[in-house]
Amino acid sequence: MKSSDHDLTRQDEDMAPETFEAEENRDHKFGNWPELFGALFTLFVIWLTFAFTG
């Protein structure tokens, strides 16, 4: 499904409940992996910063 500019600017309150639920389900298909990866990457960058700046 291709998103249009109208889809990108719609507010949750403007959407039908079925559309909102489908979008929420589609957004959560990755679980918590993106947040976990982001936290680990952040810690790695912090470690690199202190490891090489002594």
Protein backbone atom coordinates (compact mmCIF):
# COMPACT_ATOMS: atom_id res chain seq x y z
CA MET A 1 0.00 0.00 0.00
CA LYS A 2 1.43 3.36 -1.04
CA SER A 3 1.08 6.27 1.36
CA SER A 4 -0.02 9.63 0.12
CA ASP A 5 0.68 13.02 1.65
CA HIS A 6 -2.88 13.03 2.98
CA ASP A 7 -2.22 9.77 4.86
CA LEU A 8 0.94 11.22 6.40
CA THR A 9 -0.81 14.28 7.82
CA ARG A 10 -3.95 12.61 9.16
CA GLN A 11 -4.49 12.81 12.89
CA ASP A 12 -5.59 9.81 14.93
CA GLU A 13 -8.87 11.55 15.74
CA ASP A 14 -9.67 11.96 12.02
CA MET A 15 -9.36 8.25 11.27
CA ALA A 16 -12.06 5.60 11.43
CA PRO A 17 -11.53 3.18 14.34
CA GLU A 18 -10.93 0.25 11.97
CA THR A 19 -8.26 2.18 10.04
CA PHE A 20 -6.58 3.32 13.25
CA GLU A 21 -6.48 -0.25 14.62
CA ALA A 22 -5.05 -1.61 11.36
CA GLU A 23 -2.35 1.08 11.36
CA GLU A 24 -1.45 0.38 14.99
CA ASN A 25 -1.14 -3.33 14.28
CA ARG A 26 1.05 -2.66 11.25
CA ASP A 27 3.29 -0.31 13.28
CA HIS A 28 3.95 -2.87 16.01
CA LYS A 29 4.99 -5.82 13.85
CA PHE A 30 8.64 -5.39 14.86
CA GLY A 31 7.98 -5.55 18.59
CA ASN A 32 10.60 -3.92 20.79
CA TRP A 33 13.58 -4.72 18.57
CA PRO A 34 14.03 -1.19 17.15
CA GLU A 35 14.16 0.31 20.65
CA LEU A 36 16.55 -2.39 21.88
CA PHE A 37 18.83 -1.95 18.88
CA GLY A 38 18.78 1.83 19.34
CA ALA A 39 19.73 1.54 23.02
CA LEU A 40 22.57 -0.89 22.27
CA PHE A 41 23.84 1.29 19.42
CA THR A 42 23.76 4.35 21.68
CA LEU A 43 25.77 2.54 24.35
CA PHE A 44 28.25 1.39 21.69
CA VAL A 45 28.73 4.96 20.42
CA ILE A 46 29.23 6.22 23.99
CA TRP A 47 31.78 3.48 24.61
CA LEU A 48 33.60 4.37 21.35
CA THR A 49 33.68 8.02 22.35
CA PHE A 50 35.32 7.30 25.71
CA ALA A 51 37.55 4.50 24.40
CA PHE A 52 39.23 6.65 21.76
CA THR A 53 39.28 10.03 23.46
CA GLY A 54 40.91 8.64 26.57
